[in-house]
Amino acid sequence: MIDSNIPDSDRMTENSYMGLYSKAEENKSESIKHVKRWEIVERHAPNAETLLDYGSSIGTFAKHCPNSMVISQFDSNWKTGFCDERILDNKYDVLTAWHVIEHLVDPVGFLKRIRHDYLFLIVPWIEYVEEKDLPSWPYFEHGMHLQFFSRKSLNILLKDYEILEENNDDGVLSNLKNPEWIVTMACKRCL
């Protein structure tokens, strides 16, 4: 049974494309999503003092920060105001990449460029998706993503990390019909 307090992700996804869901639904969805993401960060990096939220969009993840962590934000969209690449040269305790690496031309180079101790990411993966399902899920829409990850390819990408936690809950999409299409990972850099 679906928890009625969690927004219906199918309806929210469909309505978000059409701009039809209410501001209250959007705020509730954002709050649930970011609280869950902060919980995993705090569980695995409780003493972290600095964090880079890569792919920060308009900065809602940082706005939900439950502590006094110093947060830097980067997004390639110049309209967000978070596009100063100089911050990528700093060292961070935590690097977050929520639904980001699948959009990158060079995910390996990305992970090598930004110095960090912990990595938290969410990525759609193709591990359990049957070919017939691909057209029905926007994460796998042609041209939307540059990379498609399986368990094997994600393990290769994360070969320099210890996987601390893996789950199929990205917060807002917790009531998906196929939650295994999404993986949330907490990782500690071993180098």
Foldseek 3Di string as FASTA:
>chain_A
DDDPLFDDVVVCVVCVVVVHDDPVNVVSLLLQLLVVVLVVCCVVPVPWQEEEEEQCQLPSNVVNNPDNHHYQYDHCPVVSVRPDCVVQQDAGQEYEAEQHLQADPDLLVSVVSRHYFKYKYKYFADAPPDPVCQVVDVSNPPPPGPDHDHPVRVCVSQVQKDWPDKDQDSGNCRPPPCSNRMIITMIGGND
